Amino acid sequence: MYAIMIILFIYSVLILAKLFFNNSIWEKVLIINLFSAKFVLVLLLYSIITGLSYLIDIAFVYALLGFVSIVLITRFIRKRGKI
């Protein structure tokens, strides 16, 4: 389990590094969404390993906030700043 967490963490760091080398705004939004999903996975794995059930609730809230923020960001970009 710890090996999977470490691999996901390294993958998340590589995703963030890719964020700085892309020019397209849509690729940046996609990378942010991917990082959010990987962070939720790491948080869920950590909660399973440690047995802390409240971390599942935190991961759920973070996933919902990530989804809503991506929807709002894409809407903002498509309408060119007019929400």
C-alpha atoms as a PDB file:
ATOM      1  CA  MET A   1       0.000   0.000   0.000  1.00  0.00           C
ATOM      2  CA  TYR A   2       2.786   2.409   0.838  1.00  0.00           C
ATOM      3  CA  ALA A   3       4.463   1.703  -2.494  1.00  0.00           C
ATOM      4  CA  ILE A   4       1.275   2.607  -4.351  1.00  0.00           C
ATOM      5  CA  MET A   5       1.005   5.830  -2.348  1.00  0.00           C
ATOM      6  CA  ILE A   6       4.603   6.755  -3.136  1.00  0.00           C
ATOM      7  CA  ILE A   7       4.099   6.038  -6.841  1.00  0.00           C
ATOM      8  CA  LEU A   8       0.944   8.169  -6.929  1.00  0.00           C
ATOM      9  CA  PHE A   9       2.731  10.966  -5.081  1.00  0.00           C
ATOM     10  CA  ILE A  10       5.647  10.933  -7.536  1.00  0.00           C
ATOM     11  CA  TYR A  11       3.174  10.872 -10.414  1.00  0.00           C
ATOM     12  CA  SER A  12       1.394  13.890  -8.916  1.00  0.00           C
ATOM     13  CA  VAL A  13       4.662  15.813  -8.691  1.00  0.00           C
ATOM     14  CA  LEU A  14       5.383  15.010 -12.344  1.00  0.00           C
ATOM     15  CA  ILE A  15       1.897  16.206 -13.271  1.00  0.00           C
ATOM     16  CA  LEU A  16       2.555  19.523 -11.522  1.00  0.00           C
ATOM     17  CA  ALA A  17       5.897  19.843 -13.309  1.00  0.00           C
ATOM     18  CA  LYS A  18       4.104  19.369 -16.619  1.00  0.00           C
ATOM     19  CA  LEU A  19       1.769  22.213 -15.686  1.00  0.00           C
ATOM     20  CA  PHE A  20       4.559  24.766 -16.019  1.00  0.00           C
ATOM     21  CA  PHE A  21       5.696  23.580 -19.457  1.00  0.00           C
ATOM     22  CA  ASN A  22       2.339  23.707 -21.281  1.00  0.00           C
ATOM     23  CA  ASN A  23       1.104  26.749 -23.133  1.00  0.00           C
ATOM     24  CA  SER A  24      -2.504  25.757 -23.809  1.00  0.00           C
ATOM     25  CA  ILE A  25      -4.968  26.874 -21.151  1.00  0.00           C
ATOM     26  CA  TRP A  26      -7.125  23.788 -21.756  1.00  0.00           C
ATOM     27  CA  GLU A  27      -4.193  21.471 -21.090  1.00  0.00           C
ATOM     28  CA  LYS A  28      -3.507  23.343 -17.867  1.00  0.00           C
ATOM     29  CA  VAL A  29      -7.125  22.906 -16.760  1.00  0.00           C
ATOM     30  CA  LEU A  30      -6.914  19.204 -17.576  1.00  0.00           C
ATOM     31  CA  ILE A  31      -3.665  18.845 -15.616  1.00  0.00           C
ATOM     32  CA  ILE A  32      -5.186  20.589 -12.586  1.00  0.00           C
ATOM     33  CA  ASN A  33      -8.164  18.227 -12.749  1.00  0.00           C
ATOM     34  CA  LEU A  34      -5.853  15.211 -13.005  1.00  0.00           C
ATOM     35  CA  PHE A  35      -3.791  16.400 -10.035  1.00  0.00           C
ATOM     36  CA  SER A  36      -6.951  16.845  -7.994  1.00  0.00           C
ATOM     37  CA  ALA A  37      -8.062  13.287  -8.776  1.00  0.00           C
ATOM     38  CA  LYS A  38      -4.652  11.846  -7.861  1.00  0.00           C
ATOM     39  CA  PHE A  39      -4.610  13.794  -4.606  1.00  0.00           C
ATOM     40  CA  VAL A  40      -7.996  12.339  -3.692  1.00  0.00           C
ATOM     41  CA  LEU A  41      -6.665   8.843  -4.431  1.00  0.00           C
ATOM     42  CA  VAL A  42      -3.622   9.381  -2.221  1.00  0.00           C
ATOM     43  CA  LEU A  43      -5.828  10.727   0.559  1.00  0.00           C
ATOM     44  CA  LEU A  44      -8.170   7.733   0.315  1.00  0.00           C
ATOM     45  CA  LEU A  45      -5.277   5.276   0.363  1.00  0.00           C
ATOM     46  CA  TYR A  46      -3.808   7.008   3.396  1.00  0.00           C
ATOM     47  CA  SER A  47      -7.156   6.824   5.184  1.00  0.00           C
ATOM     48  CA  ILE A  48      -7.383   3.093   4.442  1.00  0.00           C
ATOM     49  CA  ILE A  49      -3.836   2.448   5.666  1.00  0.00           C
ATOM     50  CA  THR A  50      -4.180   4.438   8.882  1.00  0.00           C
ATOM     51  CA  GLY A  51      -7.827   3.627   9.568  1.00  0.00           C
ATOM     52  CA  LEU A  52      -8.793   7.286   9.945  1.00  0.00           C
ATOM     53  CA  SER A  53     -12.343   7.367   8.613  1.00  0.00           C
ATOM     54  CA  TYR A  54     -12.719  11.148   8.707  1.00  0.00           C
ATOM     55  CA  LEU A  55     -10.169  11.434   5.885  1.00  0.00           C
ATOM     56  CA  ILE A  56     -12.694   9.769   3.579  1.00  0.00           C
ATOM     57  CA  ASP A  57     -15.079  12.663   4.220  1.00  0.00           C
ATOM     58  CA  ILE A  58     -12.313  15.170   3.559  1.00  0.00           C
ATOM     59  CA  ALA A  59     -11.429  13.394   0.296  1.00  0.00           C
ATOM     60  CA  PHE A  60     -15.082  13.449  -0.759  1.00  0.00           C
ATOM     61  CA  VAL A  61     -15.386  17.179  -0.081  1.00  0.00           C
ATOM     62  CA  TYR A  62     -12.111  17.847  -1.906  1.00  0.00           C
ATOM     63  CA  ALA A  63     -13.335  15.842  -4.923  1.00  0.00           C
ATOM     64  CA  LEU A  64     -16.581  17.824  -5.027  1.00  0.00           C
ATOM     65  CA  LEU A  65     -14.746  21.130  -4.723  1.00  0.00           C
ATOM     66  CA  GLY A  66     -12.352  20.064  -7.472  1.00  0.00           C
ATOM     67  CA  PHE A  67     -15.238  19.217  -9.786  1.00  0.00           C
ATOM     68  CA  VAL A  68     -17.084  22.470  -9.137  1.00  0.00           C
ATOM     69  CA  SER A  69     -13.935  24.548  -9.553  1.00  0.00           C
ATOM     70  CA  ILE A  70     -13.095  22.895 -12.899  1.00  0.00           C
ATOM     71  CA  VAL A  71     -16.627  23.535 -14.144  1.00  0.00           C
ATOM     72  CA  LEU A  72     -16.417  27.194 -13.109  1.00  0.00           C
ATOM     73  CA  ILE A  73     -12.948  27.667 -14.604  1.00  0.00           C
ATOM     74  CA  THR A  74     -13.980  26.184 -17.955  1.00  0.00           C
ATOM     75  CA  ARG A  75     -17.121  28.297 -17.987  1.00  0.00           C
ATOM     76  CA  PHE A  76     -15.064  31.393 -17.225  1.00  0.00           C
ATOM     77  CA  ILE A  77     -12.600  30.622 -20.026  1.00  0.00           C
ATOM     78  CA  ARG A  78     -15.279  29.816 -22.618  1.00  0.00           C
ATOM     79  CA  LYS A  79     -17.192  33.022 -21.943  1.00  0.00           C
ATOM     80  CA  ARG A  80     -13.967  35.069 -21.882  1.00  0.00           C
ATOM     81  CA  GLY A  81     -14.292  36.368 -18.371  1.00  0.00           C
ATOM     82  CA  LYS A  82     -18.063  36.825 -18.191  1.00  0.00           C
ATOM     83  CA  ILE A  83     -19.651  34.420 -15.756  1.00  0.00           C
END
